[in-house]
Each structure stands twice: as structure tokens, then as C-alpha cells.
Amino acid sequence: MAKAKKEPTPPTPPTSFDLMGMRVQKIINSTGAQTAKRAVIYKAPDESPDDWDQLLEAINEADNVTIAHQVDAGVQVFWVVPKDD
């Protein structure tokens, strides 16, 4: 007896937090930011303040990463790449 084919589940659309994370990841992964080992990020006007706070908390918890809040509401992200032993 042939098995019925299961319909593929449609992909779950990204959340607002996911979209913000992807946007910030592009900034941090840019060539200039990678060379300087720093980037300045800003919350977009249409992004949730709760998502922004959650993102900054996640970044701040990462090893070898420091964040500094700027007067203009931007956040400078600095990181150090540990040397291999």
C-alpha cells in the first residue's frame, strides 16, 4: 500500500526580533566593521523597543564583546578576537 505524501509545512515567517537580528548581523559582518572590530548600530524607528533591549542584552552577554551607549541613541559594539593558543 502506498503511503500518502505529507504536505510540506510552510516556513514560519521571521519574527520582528529575527528581522532586527538579521539587519544588525549584516552591519556587524560588513567588511569595514570586521576590519575595525567595531560597529555602530541604531534601532530603526519601526522596531520594537522590547526587541531592541533583548538584542542588546544578547550582544552584551557574548564573550569578548563590549557595548557602549552613545548620546545619539546609537550603540557602539566592540569585539576582540582571541588569539589561538
PDB file of N, CA and C in Angstrom:
ATOM      1  N   MET A   1       0.833  -1.163   0.000  1.00  0.00           N
ATOM      2  CA  MET A   1       0.000   0.000   0.000  1.00  0.00           C
ATOM      3  C   MET A   1       0.889   1.242   0.000  1.00  0.00           C
ATOM      4  N   ALA A   2       0.611   2.189  -0.839  1.00  0.00           N
ATOM      5  CA  ALA A   2       1.404   3.408  -0.953  1.00  0.00           C
ATOM      6  C   ALA A   2       1.066   4.356   0.194  1.00  0.00           C
ATOM      7  N   LYS A   3       2.110   4.991   0.695  1.00  0.00           N
ATOM      8  CA  LYS A   3       1.907   5.963   1.771  1.00  0.00           C
ATOM      9  C   LYS A   3       1.486   7.304   1.160  1.00  0.00           C
ATOM     10  N   ALA A   4       0.602   7.977   1.856  1.00  0.00           N
ATOM     11  CA  ALA A   4       0.192   9.308   1.414  1.00  0.00           C
ATOM     12  C   ALA A   4       1.346  10.269   1.670  1.00  0.00           C
ATOM     13  N   LYS A   5       1.592  11.136   0.698  1.00  0.00           N
ATOM     14  CA  LYS A   5       2.660  12.113   0.860  1.00  0.00           C
ATOM     15  C   LYS A   5       2.210  13.184   1.842  1.00  0.00           C
ATOM     16  N   LYS A   6       3.106  13.498   2.747  1.00  0.00           N
ATOM     17  CA  LYS A   6       2.827  14.536   3.728  1.00  0.00           C
ATOM     18  C   LYS A   6       3.144  15.888   3.084  1.00  0.00           C
ATOM     19  N   GLU A   7       2.203  16.794   3.179  1.00  0.00           N
ATOM     20  CA  GLU A   7       2.417  18.134   2.630  1.00  0.00           C
ATOM     21  C   GLU A   7       3.517  18.823   3.434  1.00  0.00           C
ATOM     22  N   PRO A   8       4.444  19.491   2.740  1.00  0.00           N
ATOM     23  CA  PRO A   8       5.489  20.198   3.477  1.00  0.00           C
ATOM     24  C   PRO A   8       4.876  21.349   4.284  1.00  0.00           C
ATOM     25  N   THR A   9       5.413  21.537   5.461  1.00  0.00           N
ATOM     26  CA  THR A   9       4.951  22.633   6.308  1.00  0.00           C
ATOM     27  C   THR A   9       5.524  23.934   5.772  1.00  0.00           C
ATOM     28  N   PRO A  10       4.675  24.934   5.595  1.00  0.00           N
ATOM     29  CA  PRO A  10       5.220  26.212   5.105  1.00  0.00           C
ATOM     30  C   PRO A  10       6.171  26.798   6.147  1.00  0.00           C
ATOM     31  N   PRO A  11       7.223  27.463   5.684  1.00  0.00           N
ATOM     32  CA  PRO A  11       8.187  28.022   6.637  1.00  0.00           C
ATOM     33  C   PRO A  11       7.520  29.080   7.519  1.00  0.00           C
ATOM     34  N   THR A  12       7.970  29.122   8.757  1.00  0.00           N
ATOM     35  CA  THR A  12       7.463  30.129   9.689  1.00  0.00           C
ATOM     36  C   THR A  12       8.089  31.470   9.332  1.00  0.00           C
ATOM     37  N   PRO A  13       7.278  32.500   9.179  1.00  0.00           N
ATOM     38  CA  PRO A  13       7.863  33.807   8.858  1.00  0.00           C
ATOM     39  C   PRO A  13       8.714  34.305  10.026  1.00  0.00           C
ATOM     40  N   PRO A  14       9.772  35.055   9.727  1.00  0.00           N
ATOM     41  CA  PRO A  14      10.631  35.547  10.810  1.00  0.00           C
ATOM     42  C   PRO A  14       9.871  36.527  11.706  1.00  0.00           C
ATOM     43  N   THR A  15      10.217  36.519  12.985  1.00  0.00           N
ATOM     44  CA  THR A  15       9.621  37.449  13.934  1.00  0.00           C
ATOM     45  C   THR A  15      10.269  38.821  13.763  1.00  0.00           C
ATOM     46  N   SER A  16       9.711  39.817  14.418  1.00  0.00           N
ATOM     47  CA  SER A  16      10.298  41.160  14.366  1.00  0.00           C
ATOM     48  C   SER A  16      11.702  41.134  14.979  1.00  0.00           C
ATOM     49  N   PHE A  17      11.898  40.316  16.003  1.00  0.00           N
ATOM     50  CA  PHE A  17      13.220  40.178  16.611  1.00  0.00           C
ATOM     51  C   PHE A  17      14.204  39.544  15.628  1.00  0.00           C
ATOM     52  N   ASP A  18      13.747  38.521  14.909  1.00  0.00           N
ATOM     53  CA  ASP A  18      14.594  37.863  13.907  1.00  0.00           C
ATOM     54  C   ASP A  18      15.020  38.857  12.834  1.00  0.00           C
ATOM     55  N   LEU A  19      14.087  39.655  12.367  1.00  0.00           N
ATOM     56  CA  LEU A  19      14.387  40.638  11.314  1.00  0.00           C
ATOM     57  C   LEU A  19      15.403  41.659  11.804  1.00  0.00           C
ATOM     58  N   MET A  20      15.226  42.122  13.045  1.00  0.00           N
ATOM     59  CA  MET A  20      16.178  43.077  13.610  1.00  0.00           C
ATOM     60  C   MET A  20      17.552  42.418  13.728  1.00  0.00           C
ATOM     61  N   GLY A  21      17.584  41.196  14.207  1.00  0.00           N
ATOM     62  CA  GLY A  21      18.851  40.480  14.344  1.00  0.00           C
ATOM     63  C   GLY A  21      19.568  40.320  13.013  1.00  0.00           C
ATOM     64  N   MET A  22      18.820  40.008  11.965  1.00  0.00           N
ATOM     65  CA  MET A  22      19.428  39.867  10.633  1.00  0.00           C
ATOM     66  C   MET A  22      19.983  41.199  10.146  1.00  0.00           C
ATOM     67  N   ARG A  23      19.267  42.282  10.420  1.00  0.00           N
ATOM     68  CA  ARG A  23      19.722  43.611   9.996  1.00  0.00           C
ATOM     69  C   ARG A  23      21.017  43.974  10.714  1.00  0.00           C
ATOM     70  N   VAL A  24      21.054  43.774  12.017  1.00  0.00           N
ATOM     71  CA  VAL A  24      22.243  44.109  12.800  1.00  0.00           C
ATOM     72  C   VAL A  24      23.405  43.182  12.440  1.00  0.00           C
ATOM     73  N   GLN A  25      23.103  41.929  12.176  1.00  0.00           N
ATOM     74  CA  GLN A  25      24.152  40.978  11.783  1.00  0.00           C
ATOM     75  C   GLN A  25      24.829  41.423  10.490  1.00  0.00           C
ATOM     76  N   LYS A  26      24.055  41.946   9.544  1.00  0.00           N
ATOM     77  CA  LYS A  26      24.655  42.452   8.290  1.00  0.00           C
ATOM     78  C   LYS A  26      25.635  43.578   8.584  1.00  0.00           C
ATOM     79  N   ILE A  27      25.253  44.471   9.499  1.00  0.00           N
ATOM     80  CA  ILE A  27      26.121  45.602   9.848  1.00  0.00           C
ATOM     81  C   ILE A  27      27.408  45.087  10.477  1.00  0.00           C
ATOM     82  N   ILE A  28      27.276  44.187  11.440  1.00  0.00           N
ATOM     83  CA  ILE A  28      28.438  43.669  12.159  1.00  0.00           C
ATOM     84  C   ILE A  28      29.328  42.822  11.252  1.00  0.00           C
ATOM     85  N   ASN A  29      28.737  42.134  10.294  1.00  0.00           N
ATOM     86  CA  ASN A  29      29.520  41.287   9.387  1.00  0.00           C
ATOM     87  C   ASN A  29      30.087  42.040   8.190  1.00  0.00           C
ATOM     88  N   SER A  30      29.807  43.329   8.079  1.00  0.00           N
ATOM     89  CA  SER A  30      30.336  44.088   6.941  1.00  0.00           C
ATOM     90  C   SER A  30      31.861  44.112   6.997  1.00  0.00           C
ATOM     91  N   THR A  31      32.472  44.282   5.862  1.00  0.00           N
ATOM     92  CA  THR A  31      33.932  44.278   5.768  1.00  0.00           C
ATOM     93  C   THR A  31      34.547  45.349   6.662  1.00  0.00           C
ATOM     94  N   GLY A  32      33.995  46.546   6.619  1.00  0.00           N
ATOM     95  CA  GLY A  32      34.534  47.639   7.432  1.00  0.00           C
ATOM     96  C   GLY A  32      34.464  47.351   8.917  1.00  0.00           C
ATOM     97  N   ALA A  33      33.332  46.829   9.366  1.00  0.00           N
ATOM     98  CA  ALA A  33      33.172  46.513  10.781  1.00  0.00           C
ATOM     99  C   ALA A  33      34.109  45.378  11.190  1.00  0.00           C
ATOM    100  N   GLN A  34      34.246  44.381  10.349  1.00  0.00           N
ATOM    101  CA  GLN A  34      35.126  43.256  10.672  1.00  0.00           C
ATOM    102  C   GLN A  34      36.583  43.698  10.739  1.00  0.00           C
ATOM    103  N   THR A  35      36.972  44.609   9.860  1.00  0.00           N
ATOM    104  CA  THR A  35      38.342  45.121   9.875  1.00  0.00           C
ATOM    105  C   THR A  35      38.600  45.931  11.141  1.00  0.00           C
ATOM    106  N   ALA A  36      37.644  46.809  11.488  1.00  0.00           N
ATOM    107  CA  ALA A  36      37.797  47.682  12.658  1.00  0.00           C
ATOM    108  C   ALA A  36      37.466  46.967  13.971  1.00  0.00           C
ATOM    109  N   LYS A  37      36.797  45.837  13.880  1.00  0.00           N
ATOM    110  CA  LYS A  37      36.319  45.095  15.044  1.00  0.00           C
ATOM    111  C   LYS A  37      35.398  45.952  15.910  1.00  0.00           C
ATOM    112  N   ARG A  38      34.551  46.729  15.216  1.00  0.00           N
ATOM    113  CA  ARG A  38      33.538  47.540  15.884  1.00  0.00           C
ATOM    114  C   ARG A  38      32.491  47.981  14.878  1.00  0.00           C
ATOM    115  N   ALA A  39      31.332  48.291  15.401  1.00  0.00           N
ATOM    116  CA  ALA A  39      30.236  48.776  14.563  1.00  0.00           C
ATOM    117  C   ALA A  39      29.313  49.634  15.425  1.00  0.00           C
ATOM    118  N   VAL A  40      28.646  50.562  14.800  1.00  0.00           N
ATOM    119  CA  VAL A  40      27.636  51.363  15.483  1.00  0.00           C
ATOM    120  C   VAL A  40      26.279  50.931  14.948  1.00  0.00           C
ATOM    121  N   ILE A  41      25.387  50.602  15.859  1.00  0.00           N
ATOM    122  CA  ILE A  41      24.057  50.162  15.458  1.00  0.00           C
ATOM    123  C   ILE A  41      23.008  51.088  16.077  1.00  0.00           C
ATOM    124  N   TYR A  42      21.887  51.193  15.398  1.00  0.00           N
ATOM    125  CA  TYR A  42      20.777  52.029  15.848  1.00  0.00           C
ATOM    126  C   TYR A  42      19.488  51.229  15.730  1.00  0.00           C
ATOM    127  N   LYS A  43      18.554  51.518  16.605  1.00  0.00           N
ATOM    128  CA  LYS A  43      17.223  50.930  16.497  1.00  0.00           C
ATOM    129  C   LYS A  43      16.490  51.687  15.397  1.00  0.00           C
ATOM    130  N   ALA A  44      15.926  50.957  14.470  1.00  0.00           N
ATOM    131  CA  ALA A  44      15.122  51.578  13.416  1.00  0.00           C
ATOM    132  C   ALA A  44      13.807  52.056  14.033  1.00  0.00           C
ATOM    133  N   PRO A  45      13.234  53.139  13.498  1.00  0.00           N
ATOM    134  CA  PRO A  45      12.001  53.695  14.078  1.00  0.00           C
ATOM    135  C   PRO A  45      10.848  52.701  14.163  1.00  0.00           C
ATOM    136  N   ASP A  46      10.784  51.770  13.239  1.00  0.00           N
ATOM    137  CA  ASP A  46       9.663  50.816  13.234  1.00  0.00           C
ATOM    138  C   ASP A  46       9.930  49.562  14.059  1.00  0.00           C
ATOM    139  N   GLU A  47      11.081  49.494  14.729  1.00  0.00           N
ATOM    140  CA  GLU A  47      11.416  48.311  15.507  1.00  0.00           C
ATOM    141  C   GLU A  47      10.966  48.460  16.961  1.00  0.00           C
ATOM    142  N   SER A  48      10.617  47.348  17.557  1.00  0.00           N
ATOM    143  CA  SER A  48      10.109  47.316  18.925  1.00  0.00           C
ATOM    144  C   SER A  48      11.209  47.649  19.940  1.00  0.00           C
ATOM    145  N   PRO A  49      10.910  48.540  20.887  1.00  0.00           N
ATOM    146  CA  PRO A  49      11.888  48.808  21.957  1.00  0.00           C
ATOM    147  C   PRO A  49      12.211  47.551  22.770  1.00  0.00           C
ATOM    148  N   ASP A  50      11.227  46.678  22.963  1.00  0.00           N
ATOM    149  CA  ASP A  50      11.477  45.433  23.696  1.00  0.00           C
ATOM    150  C   ASP A  50      12.434  44.528  22.923  1.00  0.00           C
ATOM    151  N   ASP A  51      12.238  44.441  21.596  1.00  0.00           N
ATOM    152  CA  ASP A  51      13.150  43.657  20.766  1.00  0.00           C
ATOM    153  C   ASP A  51      14.559  44.238  20.832  1.00  0.00           C
ATOM    154  N   TRP A  52      14.649  45.558  20.792  1.00  0.00           N
ATOM    155  CA  TRP A  52      15.942  46.243  20.833  1.00  0.00           C
ATOM    156  C   TRP A  52      16.664  45.924  22.147  1.00  0.00           C
ATOM    157  N   ASP A  53      15.936  46.036  23.265  1.00  0.00           N
ATOM    158  CA  ASP A  53      16.537  45.737  24.565  1.00  0.00           C
ATOM    159  C   ASP A  53      16.999  44.277  24.634  1.00  0.00           C
ATOM    160  N   GLN A  54      16.192  43.378  24.100  1.00  0.00           N
ATOM    161  CA  GLN A  54      16.534  41.949  24.090  1.00  0.00           C
ATOM    162  C   GLN A  54      17.787  41.712  23.250  1.00  0.00           C
ATOM    163  N   LEU A  55      17.884  42.389  22.113  1.00  0.00           N
ATOM    164  CA  LEU A  55      19.050  42.240  21.240  1.00  0.00           C
ATOM    165  C   LEU A  55      20.312  42.756  21.929  1.00  0.00           C
ATOM    166  N   LEU A  56      20.228  43.931  22.548  1.00  0.00           N
ATOM    167  CA  LEU A  56      21.393  44.492  23.236  1.00  0.00           C
ATOM    168  C   LEU A  56      21.830  43.600  24.393  1.00  0.00           C
ATOM    169  N   GLU A  57      20.872  43.015  25.091  1.00  0.00           N
ATOM    170  CA  GLU A  57      21.195  42.105  26.179  1.00  0.00           C
ATOM    171  C   GLU A  57      21.927  40.876  25.643  1.00  0.00           C
ATOM    172  N   ALA A  58      21.458  40.340  24.529  1.00  0.00           N
ATOM    173  CA  ALA A  58      22.106  39.166  23.927  1.00  0.00           C
ATOM    174  C   ALA A  58      23.517  39.504  23.461  1.00  0.00           C
ATOM    175  N   ILE A  59      23.690  40.665  22.850  1.00  0.00           N
ATOM    176  CA  ILE A  59      25.025  41.074  22.391  1.00  0.00           C
ATOM    177  C   ILE A  59      25.948  41.254  23.582  1.00  0.00           C
ATOM    178  N   ASN A  60      25.434  41.890  24.632  1.00  0.00           N
ATOM    179  CA  ASN A  60      26.254  42.174  25.810  1.00  0.00           C
ATOM    180  C   ASN A  60      26.685  40.900  26.529  1.00  0.00           C
ATOM    181  N   GLU A  61      25.914  39.836  26.414  1.00  0.00           N
ATOM    182  CA  GLU A  61      26.257  38.577  27.063  1.00  0.00           C
ATOM    183  C   GLU A  61      27.288  37.761  26.285  1.00  0.00           C
ATOM    184  N   ALA A  62      27.559  38.137  25.042  1.00  0.00           N
ATOM    185  CA  ALA A  62      28.524  37.391  24.231  1.00  0.00           C
ATOM    186  C   ALA A  62      29.942  37.597  24.770  1.00  0.00           C
ATOM    187  N   ASP A  63      30.739  36.554  24.696  1.00  0.00           N
ATOM    188  CA  ASP A  63      32.131  36.637  25.133  1.00  0.00           C
ATOM    189  C   ASP A  63      32.911  37.581  24.237  1.00  0.00           C
ATOM    190  N   ASN A  64      33.838  38.337  24.838  1.00  0.00           N
ATOM    191  CA  ASN A  64      34.761  39.225  24.120  1.00  0.00           C
ATOM    192  C   ASN A  64      34.064  40.355  23.386  1.00  0.00           C
ATOM    193  N   VAL A  65      32.855  40.724  23.819  1.00  0.00           N
ATOM    194  CA  VAL A  65      32.103  41.800  23.183  1.00  0.00           C
ATOM    195  C   VAL A  65      31.757  42.845  24.238  1.00  0.00           C
ATOM    196  N   THR A  66      31.909  44.120  23.872  1.00  0.00           N
ATOM    197  CA  THR A  66      31.572  45.235  24.743  1.00  0.00           C
ATOM    198  C   THR A  66      30.641  46.160  23.981  1.00  0.00           C
ATOM    199  N   ILE A  67      29.644  46.700  24.680  1.00  0.00           N
ATOM    200  CA  ILE A  67      28.793  47.693  24.046  1.00  0.00           C
ATOM    201  C   ILE A  67      28.912  49.010  24.807  1.00  0.00           C
ATOM    202  N   ALA A  68      28.784  50.104  24.082  1.00  0.00           N
ATOM    203  CA  ALA A  68      28.827  51.441  24.681  1.00  0.00           C
ATOM    204  C   ALA A  68      27.681  52.250  24.092  1.00  0.00           C
ATOM    205  N   HIS A  69      26.817  52.744  24.967  1.00  0.00           N
ATOM    206  CA  HIS A  69      25.686  53.559  24.523  1.00  0.00           C
ATOM    207  C   HIS A  69      26.190  54.961  24.199  1.00  0.00           C
ATOM    208  N   GLN A  70      25.738  55.493  23.085  1.00  0.00           N
ATOM    209  CA  GLN A  70      26.147  56.818  22.637  1.00  0.00           C
ATOM    210  C   GLN A  70      25.046  57.823  22.950  1.00  0.00           C
ATOM    211  N   VAL A  71      25.395  59.091  22.952  1.00  0.00           N
ATOM    212  CA  VAL A  71      24.448  60.163  23.240  1.00  0.00           C
ATOM    213  C   VAL A  71      23.330  60.209  22.198  1.00  0.00           C
ATOM    214  N   ASP A  72      23.626  59.853  20.966  1.00  0.00           N
ATOM    215  CA  ASP A  72      22.634  59.941  19.878  1.00  0.00           C
ATOM    216  C   ASP A  72      21.747  58.697  19.777  1.00  0.00           C
ATOM    217  N   ALA A  73      21.704  57.883  20.837  1.00  0.00           N
ATOM    218  CA  ALA A  73      20.887  56.659  20.901  1.00  0.00           C
ATOM    219  C   ALA A  73      21.497  55.491  20.130  1.00  0.00           C
ATOM    220  N   GLY A  74      22.648  55.691  19.548  1.00  0.00           N
ATOM    221  CA  GLY A  74      23.336  54.590  18.901  1.00  0.00           C
ATOM    222  C   GLY A  74      24.049  53.740  19.944  1.00  0.00           C
ATOM    223  N   VAL A  75      24.451  52.571  19.532  1.00  0.00           N
ATOM    224  CA  VAL A  75      25.208  51.676  20.405  1.00  0.00           C
ATOM    225  C   VAL A  75      26.429  51.221  19.630  1.00  0.00           C
ATOM    226  N   GLN A  76      27.592  51.476  20.218  1.00  0.00           N
ATOM    227  CA  GLN A  76      28.827  51.018  19.576  1.00  0.00           C
ATOM    228  C   GLN A  76      29.142  49.631  20.133  1.00  0.00           C
ATOM    229  N   VAL A  77      29.400  48.703  19.227  1.00  0.00           N
ATOM    230  CA  VAL A  77      29.715  47.325  19.589  1.00  0.00           C
ATOM    231  C   VAL A  77      31.182  47.092  19.235  1.00  0.00           C
ATOM    232  N   PHE A  78      31.951  46.662  20.228  1.00  0.00           N
ATOM    233  CA  PHE A  78      33.373  46.353  20.045  1.00  0.00           C
ATOM    234  C   PHE A  78      33.582  44.882  20.335  1.00  0.00           C
ATOM    235  N   TRP A  79      34.494  44.257  19.639  1.00  0.00           N
ATOM    236  CA  TRP A  79      34.804  42.864  19.950  1.00  0.00           C
ATOM    237  C   TRP A  79      36.278  42.596  19.763  1.00  0.00           C
ATOM    238  N   VAL A  80      36.740  41.580  20.466  1.00  0.00           N
ATOM    239  CA  VAL A  80      38.129  41.149  20.411  1.00  0.00           C
ATOM    240  C   VAL A  80      38.105  39.700  19.939  1.00  0.00           C
ATOM    241  N   VAL A  81      38.942  39.409  18.989  1.00  0.00           N
ATOM    242  CA  VAL A  81      39.076  38.032  18.523  1.00  0.00           C
ATOM    243  C   VAL A  81      40.225  37.414  19.293  1.00  0.00           C
ATOM    244  N   PRO A  82      39.928  36.408  20.140  1.00  0.00           N
ATOM    245  CA  PRO A  82      41.010  35.804  20.933  1.00  0.00           C
ATOM    246  C   PRO A  82      42.045  35.127  20.040  1.00  0.00           C
ATOM    247  N   LYS A  83      43.293  35.226  20.469  1.00  0.00           N
ATOM    248  CA  LYS A  83      44.375  34.578  19.715  1.00  0.00           C
ATOM    249  C   LYS A  83      44.339  33.082  19.989  1.00  0.00           C
ATOM    250  N   ASP A  84      44.660  32.311  18.953  1.00  0.00           N
ATOM    251  CA  ASP A  84      44.755  30.864  19.135  1.00  0.00           C
ATOM    252  C   ASP A  84      45.972  30.533  19.966  1.00  0.00           C
ATOM    253  N   ASP A  85      45.821  29.574  20.851  1.00  0.00           N
ATOM    254  CA  ASP A  85      46.967  29.159  21.686  1.00  0.00           C
ATOM    255  C   ASP A  85      47.879  28.230  20.930  1.00  0.00           C
TER     256      ASP A  85
END
